[in-house]
Amino acid sequence: MADFNQIIDKAKELAECASEKSQIIYQVSKLKIEIAQLKSKLEKNYSSIGKKVYDSTKAEEAVPDFAASIEEIDLLLAEIEEKNELVSALKETLDAPNAAQ
């Protein structure tokens, strides 16, 4: 009977491990979506600056101040970097020999 209990225990252990790994995969996927959204916002900010420079140059006006836009871009870049580091850490956990065990 001990063999049957060992099999049951091993099955439970494997199920827990699979559940933990799927949670990690879910977290990585969610972070990647968030990174893509942040990159989209970043591109919009870059485009906005370019359009403002173009419009002011075309109208022969002074180039507007971009301090607020640059600050927002810096914040977005920092957030993207932070999320990329989280993704890397989660992937290392997932790839570890005894991951989620």
PDB file of N, CA and C in Angstrom:
ATOM      1  N   MET A   1       0.809  -1.191   0.000  1.00  0.00           N
ATOM      2  CA  MET A   1       0.000   0.000   0.000  1.00  0.00           C
ATOM      3  C   MET A   1       0.856   1.261   0.000  1.00  0.00           C
ATOM      4  N   ALA A   2       2.076   1.130   0.497  1.00  0.00           N
ATOM      5  CA  ALA A   2       2.976   2.282   0.544  1.00  0.00           C
ATOM      6  C   ALA A   2       3.288   2.772  -0.869  1.00  0.00           C
ATOM      7  N   ASP A   3       3.399   1.860  -1.820  1.00  0.00           N
ATOM      8  CA  ASP A   3       3.683   2.252  -3.192  1.00  0.00           C
ATOM      9  C   ASP A   3       2.556   3.114  -3.760  1.00  0.00           C
ATOM     10  N   PHE A   4       1.336   2.738  -3.469  1.00  0.00           N
ATOM     11  CA  PHE A   4       0.196   3.507  -3.959  1.00  0.00           C
ATOM     12  C   PHE A   4       0.192   4.913  -3.343  1.00  0.00           C
ATOM     13  N   ASN A   5       0.471   5.007  -2.049  1.00  0.00           N
ATOM     14  CA  ASN A   5       0.528   6.315  -1.379  1.00  0.00           C
ATOM     15  C   ASN A   5       1.674   7.161  -1.930  1.00  0.00           C
ATOM     16  N   GLN A   6       2.776   6.528  -2.256  1.00  0.00           N
ATOM     17  CA  GLN A   6       3.904   7.247  -2.834  1.00  0.00           C
ATOM     18  C   GLN A   6       3.530   7.794  -4.211  1.00  0.00           C
ATOM     19  N   ILE A   7       2.809   7.002  -4.964  1.00  0.00           N
ATOM     20  CA  ILE A   7       2.364   7.439  -6.294  1.00  0.00           C
ATOM     21  C   ILE A   7       1.418   8.626  -6.161  1.00  0.00           C
ATOM     22  N   ILE A   8       0.491   8.541  -5.208  1.00  0.00           N
ATOM     23  CA  ILE A   8      -0.456   9.639  -4.963  1.00  0.00           C
ATOM     24  C   ILE A   8       0.307  10.900  -4.556  1.00  0.00           C
ATOM     25  N   ASP A   9       1.256  10.749  -3.643  1.00  0.00           N
ATOM     26  CA  ASP A   9       2.043  11.904  -3.180  1.00  0.00           C
ATOM     27  C   ASP A   9       2.837  12.516  -4.329  1.00  0.00           C
ATOM     28  N   LYS A  10       3.424  11.686  -5.151  1.00  0.00           N
ATOM     29  CA  LYS A  10       4.200  12.178  -6.295  1.00  0.00           C
ATOM     30  C   LYS A  10       3.285  12.893  -7.289  1.00  0.00           C
ATOM     31  N   ALA A  11       2.111  12.362  -7.521  1.00  0.00           N
ATOM     32  CA  ALA A  11       1.149  12.999  -8.425  1.00  0.00           C
ATOM     33  C   ALA A  11       0.736  14.372  -7.894  1.00  0.00           C
ATOM     34  N   LYS A  12       0.505  14.463  -6.581  1.00  0.00           N
ATOM     35  CA  LYS A  12       0.159  15.745  -5.970  1.00  0.00           C
ATOM     36  C   LYS A  12       1.306  16.740  -6.122  1.00  0.00           C
ATOM     37  N   GLU A  13       2.524  16.271  -5.902  1.00  0.00           N
ATOM     38  CA  GLU A  13       3.709  17.113  -6.023  1.00  0.00           C
ATOM     39  C   GLU A  13       3.859  17.638  -7.448  1.00  0.00           C
ATOM     40  N   LEU A  14       3.661  16.776  -8.422  1.00  0.00           N
ATOM     41  CA  LEU A  14       3.764  17.179  -9.815  1.00  0.00           C
ATOM     42  C   LEU A  14       2.664  18.178 -10.192  1.00  0.00           C
ATOM     43  N   ALA A  15       1.480  17.957  -9.674  1.00  0.00           N
ATOM     44  CA  ALA A  15       0.369  18.872  -9.955  1.00  0.00           C
ATOM     45  C   ALA A  15       0.647  20.255  -9.367  1.00  0.00           C
ATOM     46  N   GLU A  16       1.185  20.290  -8.154  1.00  0.00           N
ATOM     47  CA  GLU A  16       1.532  21.570  -7.535  1.00  0.00           C
ATOM     48  C   GLU A  16       2.619  22.281  -8.331  1.00  0.00           C
ATOM     49  N   CYS A  17       3.609  21.518  -8.774  1.00  0.00           N
ATOM     50  CA  CYS A  17       4.704  22.084  -9.554  1.00  0.00           C
ATOM     51  C   CYS A  17       4.170  22.666 -10.867  1.00  0.00           C
ATOM     52  N   ALA A  18       3.299  21.931 -11.528  1.00  0.00           N
ATOM     53  CA  ALA A  18       2.714  22.407 -12.791  1.00  0.00           C
ATOM     54  C   ALA A  18       1.885  23.660 -12.551  1.00  0.00           C
ATOM     55  N   SER A  19       1.170  23.703 -11.454  1.00  0.00           N
ATOM     56  CA  SER A  19       0.357  24.876 -11.128  1.00  0.00           C
ATOM     57  C   SER A  19       1.240  26.092 -10.890  1.00  0.00           C
ATOM     58  N   GLU A  20       2.324  25.913 -10.151  1.00  0.00           N
ATOM     59  CA  GLU A  20       3.235  27.017  -9.880  1.00  0.00           C
ATOM     60  C   GLU A  20       3.902  27.506 -11.171  1.00  0.00           C
ATOM     61  N   LYS A  21       4.285  26.582 -12.033  1.00  0.00           N
ATOM     62  CA  LYS A  21       4.905  26.967 -13.298  1.00  0.00           C
ATOM     63  C   LYS A  21       3.921  27.708 -14.195  1.00  0.00           C
ATOM     64  N   SER A  22       2.679  27.260 -14.208  1.00  0.00           N
ATOM     65  CA  SER A  22       1.685  27.951 -15.041  1.00  0.00           C
ATOM     66  C   SER A  22       1.424  29.354 -14.511  1.00  0.00           C
ATOM     67  N   GLN A  23       1.494  29.539 -13.193  1.00  0.00           N
ATOM     68  CA  GLN A  23       1.346  30.877 -12.618  1.00  0.00           C
ATOM     69  C   GLN A  23       2.480  31.794 -13.076  1.00  0.00           C
ATOM     70  N   ILE A  24       3.693  31.257 -13.099  1.00  0.00           N
ATOM     71  CA  ILE A  24       4.851  32.036 -13.543  1.00  0.00           C
ATOM     72  C   ILE A  24       4.686  32.416 -15.012  1.00  0.00           C
ATOM     73  N   ILE A  25       4.272  31.461 -15.828  1.00  0.00           N
ATOM     74  CA  ILE A  25       4.058  31.724 -17.253  1.00  0.00           C
ATOM     75  C   ILE A  25       2.987  32.793 -17.441  1.00  0.00           C
ATOM     76  N   TYR A  26       1.932  32.726 -16.654  1.00  0.00           N
ATOM     77  CA  TYR A  26       0.869  33.732 -16.713  1.00  0.00           C
ATOM     78  C   TYR A  26       1.424  35.113 -16.361  1.00  0.00           C
ATOM     79  N   GLN A  27       2.228  35.183 -15.298  1.00  0.00           N
ATOM     80  CA  GLN A  27       2.808  36.461 -14.881  1.00  0.00           C
ATOM     81  C   GLN A  27       3.720  37.033 -15.962  1.00  0.00           C
ATOM     82  N   VAL A  28       4.520  36.179 -16.587  1.00  0.00           N
ATOM     83  CA  VAL A  28       5.409  36.634 -17.663  1.00  0.00           C
ATOM     84  C   VAL A  28       4.585  37.170 -18.826  1.00  0.00           C
ATOM     85  N   SER A  29       3.547  36.467 -19.203  1.00  0.00           N
ATOM     86  CA  SER A  29       2.694  36.910 -20.309  1.00  0.00           C
ATOM     87  C   SER A  29       2.031  38.249 -19.994  1.00  0.00           C
ATOM     88  N   LYS A  30       1.542  38.384 -18.785  1.00  0.00           N
ATOM     89  CA  LYS A  30       0.902  39.634 -18.368  1.00  0.00           C
ATOM     90  C   LYS A  30       1.902  40.789 -18.413  1.00  0.00           C
ATOM     91  N   LEU A  31       3.110  40.555 -17.935  1.00  0.00           N
ATOM     92  CA  LEU A  31       4.142  41.594 -17.966  1.00  0.00           C
ATOM     93  C   LEU A  31       4.506  41.978 -19.397  1.00  0.00           C
ATOM     94  N   LYS A  32       4.577  41.001 -20.281  1.00  0.00           N
ATOM     95  CA  LYS A  32       4.907  41.300 -21.675  1.00  0.00           C
ATOM     96  C   LYS A  32       3.826  42.160 -22.330  1.00  0.00           C
ATOM     97  N   ILE A  33       2.573  41.919 -21.990  1.00  0.00           N
ATOM     98  CA  ILE A  33       1.483  42.748 -22.507  1.00  0.00           C
ATOM     99  C   ILE A  33       1.614  44.169 -21.964  1.00  0.00           C
ATOM    100  N   GLU A  34       1.915  44.289 -20.679  1.00  0.00           N
ATOM    101  CA  GLU A  34       2.087  45.605 -20.081  1.00  0.00           C
ATOM    102  C   GLU A  34       3.265  46.346 -20.724  1.00  0.00           C
ATOM    103  N   ILE A  35       4.346  45.628 -21.010  1.00  0.00           N
ATOM    104  CA  ILE A  35       5.511  46.227 -21.666  1.00  0.00           C
ATOM    105  C   ILE A  35       5.128  46.734 -23.055  1.00  0.00           C
ATOM    106  N   ALA A  36       4.373  45.945 -23.784  1.00  0.00           N
ATOM    107  CA  ALA A  36       3.936  46.359 -25.127  1.00  0.00           C
ATOM    108  C   ALA A  36       3.080  47.622 -25.049  1.00  0.00           C
ATOM    109  N   GLN A  37       2.210  47.703 -24.059  1.00  0.00           N
ATOM    110  CA  GLN A  37       1.377  48.894 -23.894  1.00  0.00           C
ATOM    111  C   GLN A  37       2.230  50.115 -23.553  1.00  0.00           C
ATOM    112  N   LEU A  38       3.227  49.924 -22.693  1.00  0.00           N
ATOM    113  CA  LEU A  38       4.123  51.030 -22.343  1.00  0.00           C
ATOM    114  C   LEU A  38       4.932  51.480 -23.551  1.00  0.00           C
ATOM    115  N   LYS A  39       5.379  50.530 -24.369  1.00  0.00           N
ATOM    116  CA  LYS A  39       6.125  50.889 -25.572  1.00  0.00           C
ATOM    117  C   LYS A  39       5.253  51.666 -26.545  1.00  0.00           C
ATOM    118  N   SER A  40       3.982  51.335 -26.604  1.00  0.00           N
ATOM    119  CA  SER A  40       3.056  52.080 -27.454  1.00  0.00           C
ATOM    120  C   SER A  40       2.932  53.518 -26.967  1.00  0.00           C
ATOM    121  N   LYS A  41       2.789  53.706 -25.658  1.00  0.00           N
ATOM    122  CA  LYS A  41       2.727  55.053 -25.090  1.00  0.00           C
ATOM    123  C   LYS A  41       4.024  55.809 -25.373  1.00  0.00           C
ATOM    124  N   LEU A  42       5.138  55.107 -25.281  1.00  0.00           N
ATOM    125  CA  LEU A  42       6.443  55.708 -25.540  1.00  0.00           C
ATOM    126  C   LEU A  42       6.528  56.211 -26.974  1.00  0.00           C
ATOM    127  N   GLU A  43       6.106  55.386 -27.914  1.00  0.00           N
ATOM    128  CA  GLU A  43       6.120  55.782 -29.323  1.00  0.00           C
ATOM    129  C   GLU A  43       5.216  56.983 -29.582  1.00  0.00           C
ATOM    130  N   LYS A  44       4.073  57.031 -28.911  1.00  0.00           N
ATOM    131  CA  LYS A  44       3.166  58.173 -29.061  1.00  0.00           C
ATOM    132  C   LYS A  44       3.835  59.450 -28.555  1.00  0.00           C
ATOM    133  N   ASN A  45       4.571  59.334 -27.452  1.00  0.00           N
ATOM    134  CA  ASN A  45       5.280  60.503 -26.929  1.00  0.00           C
ATOM    135  C   ASN A  45       6.370  60.964 -27.883  1.00  0.00           C
ATOM    136  N   TYR A  46       7.132  60.021 -28.418  1.00  0.00           N
ATOM    137  CA  TYR A  46       8.164  60.379 -29.396  1.00  0.00           C
ATOM    138  C   TYR A  46       7.541  61.060 -30.618  1.00  0.00           C
ATOM    139  N   SER A  47       6.447  60.496 -31.095  1.00  0.00           N
ATOM    140  CA  SER A  47       5.762  61.074 -32.268  1.00  0.00           C
ATOM    141  C   SER A  47       5.224  62.464 -31.965  1.00  0.00           C
ATOM    142  N   SER A  48       4.699  62.641 -30.781  1.00  0.00           N
ATOM    143  CA  SER A  48       4.164  63.931 -30.382  1.00  0.00           C
ATOM    144  C   SER A  48       5.259  64.998 -30.386  1.00  0.00           C
ATOM    145  N   ILE A  49       6.411  64.648 -29.868  1.00  0.00           N
ATOM    146  CA  ILE A  49       7.532  65.598 -29.882  1.00  0.00           C
ATOM    147  C   ILE A  49       7.912  65.932 -31.322  1.00  0.00           C
ATOM    148  N   GLY A  50       8.018  64.919 -32.139  1.00  0.00           N
ATOM    149  CA  GLY A  50       8.381  65.141 -33.542  1.00  0.00           C
ATOM    150  C   GLY A  50       7.378  66.022 -34.258  1.00  0.00           C
ATOM    151  N   LYS A  51       6.103  65.791 -34.017  1.00  0.00           N
ATOM    152  CA  LYS A  51       5.066  66.604 -34.663  1.00  0.00           C
ATOM    153  C   LYS A  51       5.147  68.055 -34.197  1.00  0.00           C
ATOM    154  N   LYS A  52       5.361  68.251 -32.906  1.00  0.00           N
ATOM    155  CA  LYS A  52       5.460  69.617 -32.377  1.00  0.00           C
ATOM    156  C   LYS A  52       6.666  70.342 -32.975  1.00  0.00           C
ATOM    157  N   VAL A  53       7.780  69.644 -33.110  1.00  0.00           N
ATOM    158  CA  VAL A  53       8.965  70.259 -33.718  1.00  0.00           C
ATOM    159  C   VAL A  53       8.680  70.598 -35.177  1.00  0.00           C
ATOM    160  N   TYR A  54       8.077  69.670 -35.886  1.00  0.00           N
ATOM    161  CA  TYR A  54       7.747  69.908 -37.300  1.00  0.00           C
ATOM    162  C   TYR A  54       6.819  71.116 -37.440  1.00  0.00           C
ATOM    163  N   ASP A  55       5.716  71.099 -36.669  1.00  0.00           N
ATOM    164  CA  ASP A  55       4.732  72.185 -36.771  1.00  0.00           C
ATOM    165  C   ASP A  55       5.339  73.539 -36.430  1.00  0.00           C
ATOM    166  N   SER A  56       6.133  73.593 -35.372  1.00  0.00           N
ATOM    167  CA  SER A  56       6.724  74.882 -34.995  1.00  0.00           C
ATOM    168  C   SER A  56       7.762  75.338 -36.007  1.00  0.00           C
ATOM    169  N   THR A  57       8.514  74.409 -36.575  1.00  0.00           N
ATOM    170  CA  THR A  57       9.500  74.766 -37.593  1.00  0.00           C
ATOM    171  C   THR A  57       8.797  75.239 -38.858  1.00  0.00           C
ATOM    172  N   LYS A  58       7.757  74.546 -39.263  1.00  0.00           N
ATOM    173  CA  LYS A  58       6.996  74.896 -40.453  1.00  0.00           C
ATOM    174  C   LYS A  58       6.377  76.287 -40.313  1.00  0.00           C
ATOM    175  N   ALA A  59       5.901  76.596 -39.102  1.00  0.00           N
ATOM    176  CA  ALA A  59       5.261  77.897 -38.859  1.00  0.00           C
ATOM    177  C   ALA A  59       6.287  78.964 -38.477  1.00  0.00           C
ATOM    178  N   GLU A  60       7.542  78.568 -38.501  1.00  0.00           N
ATOM    179  CA  GLU A  60       8.642  79.478 -38.139  1.00  0.00           C
ATOM    180  C   GLU A  60       8.446  80.069 -36.745  1.00  0.00           C
ATOM    181  N   GLU A  61       8.006  79.219 -35.819  1.00  0.00           N
ATOM    182  CA  GLU A  61       7.820  79.602 -34.429  1.00  0.00           C
ATOM    183  C   GLU A  61       8.940  78.984 -33.596  1.00  0.00           C
ATOM    184  N   ALA A  62       9.044  79.450 -32.373  1.00  0.00           N
ATOM    185  CA  ALA A  62      10.028  78.865 -31.459  1.00  0.00           C
ATOM    186  C   ALA A  62       9.620  77.432 -31.131  1.00  0.00           C
ATOM    187  N   VAL A  63      10.609  76.594 -30.988  1.00  0.00           N
ATOM    188  CA  VAL A  63      10.340  75.195 -30.629  1.00  0.00           C
ATOM    189  C   VAL A  63       9.843  75.161 -29.184  1.00  0.00           C
ATOM    190  N   PRO A  64       8.727  74.477 -28.947  1.00  0.00           N
ATOM    191  CA  PRO A  64       8.167  74.446 -27.589  1.00  0.00           C
ATOM    192  C   PRO A  64       9.080  73.704 -26.609  1.00  0.00           C
ATOM    193  N   ASP A  65       8.830  73.917 -25.332  1.00  0.00           N
ATOM    194  CA  ASP A  65       9.577  73.245 -24.274  1.00  0.00           C
ATOM    195  C   ASP A  65       9.069  71.806 -24.142  1.00  0.00           C
ATOM    196  N   PHE A  66       9.998  70.875 -24.101  1.00  0.00           N
ATOM    197  CA  PHE A  66       9.630  69.453 -24.043  1.00  0.00           C
ATOM    198  C   PHE A  66       9.944  68.809 -22.705  1.00  0.00           C
ATOM    199  N   ALA A  67      10.165  69.600 -21.669  1.00  0.00           N
ATOM    200  CA  ALA A  67      10.556  69.050 -20.365  1.00  0.00           C
ATOM    201  C   ALA A  67       9.543  68.023 -19.847  1.00  0.00           C
ATOM    202  N   ALA A  68       8.254  68.338 -19.928  1.00  0.00           N
ATOM    203  CA  ALA A  68       7.226  67.417 -19.432  1.00  0.00           C
ATOM    204  C   ALA A  68       7.195  66.132 -20.259  1.00  0.00           C
ATOM    205  N   SER A  69       7.323  66.273 -21.574  1.00  0.00           N
ATOM    206  CA  SER A  69       7.325  65.092 -22.448  1.00  0.00           C
ATOM    207  C   SER A  69       8.548  64.220 -22.181  1.00  0.00           C
ATOM    208  N   ILE A  70       9.677  64.863 -21.995  1.00  0.00           N
ATOM    209  CA  ILE A  70      10.912  64.118 -21.738  1.00  0.00           C
ATOM    210  C   ILE A  70      10.832  63.402 -20.395  1.00  0.00           C
ATOM    211  N   GLU A  71      10.264  64.056 -19.398  1.00  0.00           N
ATOM    212  CA  GLU A  71      10.095  63.424 -18.089  1.00  0.00           C
ATOM    213  C   GLU A  71       9.188  62.203 -18.194  1.00  0.00           C
ATOM    214  N   GLU A  72       8.093  62.335 -18.944  1.00  0.00           N
ATOM    215  CA  GLU A  72       7.182  61.200 -19.123  1.00  0.00           C
ATOM    216  C   GLU A  72       7.875  60.052 -19.857  1.00  0.00           C
ATOM    217  N   ILE A  73       8.666  60.377 -20.869  1.00  0.00           N
ATOM    218  CA  ILE A  73       9.412  59.351 -21.603  1.00  0.00           C
ATOM    219  C   ILE A  73      10.385  58.643 -20.667  1.00  0.00           C
ATOM    220  N   ASP A  74      11.089  59.405 -19.829  1.00  0.00           N
ATOM    221  CA  ASP A  74      12.026  58.795 -18.880  1.00  0.00           C
ATOM    222  C   ASP A  74      11.312  57.858 -17.912  1.00  0.00           C
ATOM    223  N   LEU A  75      10.128  58.265 -17.449  1.00  0.00           N
ATOM    224  CA  LEU A  75       9.344  57.413 -16.554  1.00  0.00           C
ATOM    225  C   LEU A  75       8.899  56.128 -17.257  1.00  0.00           C
ATOM    226  N   LEU A  76       8.466  56.264 -18.495  1.00  0.00           N
ATOM    227  CA  LEU A  76       8.051  55.085 -19.260  1.00  0.00           C
ATOM    228  C   LEU A  76       9.225  54.137 -19.486  1.00  0.00           C
ATOM    229  N   LEU A  77      10.381  54.690 -19.838  1.00  0.00           N
ATOM    230  CA  LEU A  77      11.572  53.857 -20.050  1.00  0.00           C
ATOM    231  C   LEU A  77      11.969  53.126 -18.778  1.00  0.00           C
ATOM    232  N   ALA A  78      11.889  53.806 -17.641  1.00  0.00           N
ATOM    233  CA  ALA A  78      12.222  53.175 -16.359  1.00  0.00           C
ATOM    234  C   ALA A  78      11.238  52.055 -16.030  1.00  0.00           C
ATOM    235  N   GLU A  79       9.967  52.297 -16.296  1.00  0.00           N
ATOM    236  CA  GLU A  79       8.950  51.277 -16.020  1.00  0.00           C
ATOM    237  C   GLU A  79       9.129  50.067 -16.941  1.00  0.00           C
ATOM    238  N   ILE A  80       9.454  50.314 -18.194  1.00  0.00           N
ATOM    239  CA  ILE A  80       9.703  49.214 -19.131  1.00  0.00           C
ATOM    240  C   ILE A  80      10.901  48.393 -18.656  1.00  0.00           C
ATOM    241  N   GLU A  81      11.965  49.067 -18.249  1.00  0.00           N
ATOM    242  CA  GLU A  81      13.160  48.366 -17.766  1.00  0.00           C
ATOM    243  C   GLU A  81      12.843  47.524 -16.529  1.00  0.00           C
ATOM    244  N   GLU A  82      12.073  48.088 -15.621  1.00  0.00           N
ATOM    245  CA  GLU A  82      11.689  47.369 -14.400  1.00  0.00           C
ATOM    246  C   GLU A  82      10.903  46.107 -14.734  1.00  0.00           C
ATOM    247  N   LYS A  83       9.954  46.236 -15.649  1.00  0.00           N
ATOM    248  CA  LYS A  83       9.144  45.072 -16.032  1.00  0.00           C
ATOM    249  C   LYS A  83       9.981  44.037 -16.789  1.00  0.00           C
ATOM    250  N   ASN A  84      10.925  44.492 -17.610  1.00  0.00           N
ATOM    251  CA  ASN A  84      11.818  43.548 -18.295  1.00  0.00           C
ATOM    252  C   ASN A  84      12.675  42.774 -17.293  1.00  0.00           C
ATOM    253  N   GLU A  85      13.118  43.443 -16.236  1.00  0.00           N
ATOM    254  CA  GLU A  85      13.888  42.764 -15.195  1.00  0.00           C
ATOM    255  C   GLU A  85      13.035  41.727 -14.478  1.00  0.00           C
ATOM    256  N   LEU A  86      11.773  42.061 -14.217  1.00  0.00           N
ATOM    257  CA  LEU A  86      10.860  41.095 -13.596  1.00  0.00           C
ATOM    258  C   LEU A  86      10.655  39.878 -14.491  1.00  0.00           C
ATOM    259  N   VAL A  87      10.493  40.116 -15.787  1.00  0.00           N
ATOM    260  CA  VAL A  87      10.326  39.016 -16.740  1.00  0.00           C
ATOM    261  C   VAL A  87      11.559  38.118 -16.706  1.00  0.00           C
ATOM    262  N   SER A  88      12.743  38.723 -16.720  1.00  0.00           N
ATOM    263  CA  SER A  88      13.981  37.939 -16.694  1.00  0.00           C
ATOM    264  C   SER A  88      14.082  37.112 -15.421  1.00  0.00           C
ATOM    265  N   ALA A  89      13.744  37.718 -14.290  1.00  0.00           N
ATOM    266  CA  ALA A  89      13.803  36.999 -13.017  1.00  0.00           C
ATOM    267  C   ALA A  89      12.818  35.838 -12.994  1.00  0.00           C
ATOM    268  N   LEU A  90      11.620  36.068 -13.502  1.00  0.00           N
ATOM    269  CA  LEU A  90      10.623  34.992 -13.538  1.00  0.00           C
ATOM    270  C   LEU A  90      11.062  33.864 -14.467  1.00  0.00           C
ATOM    271  N   LYS A  91      11.645  34.230 -15.606  1.00  0.00           N
ATOM    272  CA  LYS A  91      12.113  33.205 -16.536  1.00  0.00           C
ATOM    273  C   LYS A  91      13.249  32.386 -15.926  1.00  0.00           C
ATOM    274  N   GLU A  92      14.135  33.046 -15.167  1.00  0.00           N
ATOM    275  CA  GLU A  92      15.208  32.311 -14.496  1.00  0.00           C
ATOM    276  C   GLU A  92      14.629  31.325 -13.491  1.00  0.00           C
ATOM    277  N   THR A  93      13.600  31.751 -12.777  1.00  0.00           N
ATOM    278  CA  THR A  93      12.930  30.869 -11.819  1.00  0.00           C
ATOM    279  C   THR A  93      12.321  29.681 -12.547  1.00  0.00           C
ATOM    280  N   LEU A  94      11.727  29.951 -13.680  1.00  0.00           N
ATOM    281  CA  LEU A  94      11.074  28.903 -14.459  1.00  0.00           C
ATOM    282  C   LEU A  94      12.090  27.926 -15.037  1.00  0.00           C
ATOM    283  N   ASP A  95      13.258  28.461 -15.460  1.00  0.00           N
ATOM    284  CA  ASP A  95      14.276  27.631 -16.086  1.00  0.00           C
ATOM    285  C   ASP A  95      15.192  26.914 -15.089  1.00  0.00           C
ATOM    286  N   ALA A  96      15.086  27.257 -13.804  1.00  0.00           N
ATOM    287  CA  ALA A  96      15.926  26.618 -12.789  1.00  0.00           C
ATOM    288  C   ALA A  96      15.651  25.121 -12.756  1.00  0.00           C
ATOM    289  N   PRO A  97      16.691  24.326 -12.479  1.00  0.00           N
ATOM    290  CA  PRO A  97      16.520  22.868 -12.482  1.00  0.00           C
ATOM    291  C   PRO A  97      15.395  22.373 -11.580  1.00  0.00           C
ATOM    292  N   ASN A  98      15.256  22.967 -10.421  1.00  0.00           N
ATOM    293  CA  ASN A  98      14.194  22.554  -9.497  1.00  0.00           C
ATOM    294  C   ASN A  98      13.142  23.638  -9.360  1.00  0.00           C
ATOM    295  N   ALA A  99      12.798  24.271 -10.472  1.00  0.00           N
ATOM    296  CA  ALA A  99      11.861  25.390 -10.466  1.00  0.00           C
ATOM    297  C   ALA A  99      10.525  24.987  -9.894  1.00  0.00           C
ATOM    298  N   ALA A 100      10.039  25.860  -9.015  1.00  0.00           N
ATOM    299  CA  ALA A 100       8.693  25.721  -8.440  1.00  0.00           C
ATOM    300  C   ALA A 100       8.488  24.389  -7.759  1.00  0.00           C
ATOM    301  N   GLN A 101       9.545  23.849  -7.153  1.00  0.00           N
ATOM    302  CA  GLN A 101       9.399  22.588  -6.411  1.00  0.00           C
ATOM    303  C   GLN A 101       9.719  22.791  -4.963  1.00  0.00           C
TER     304      GLN A 101
END
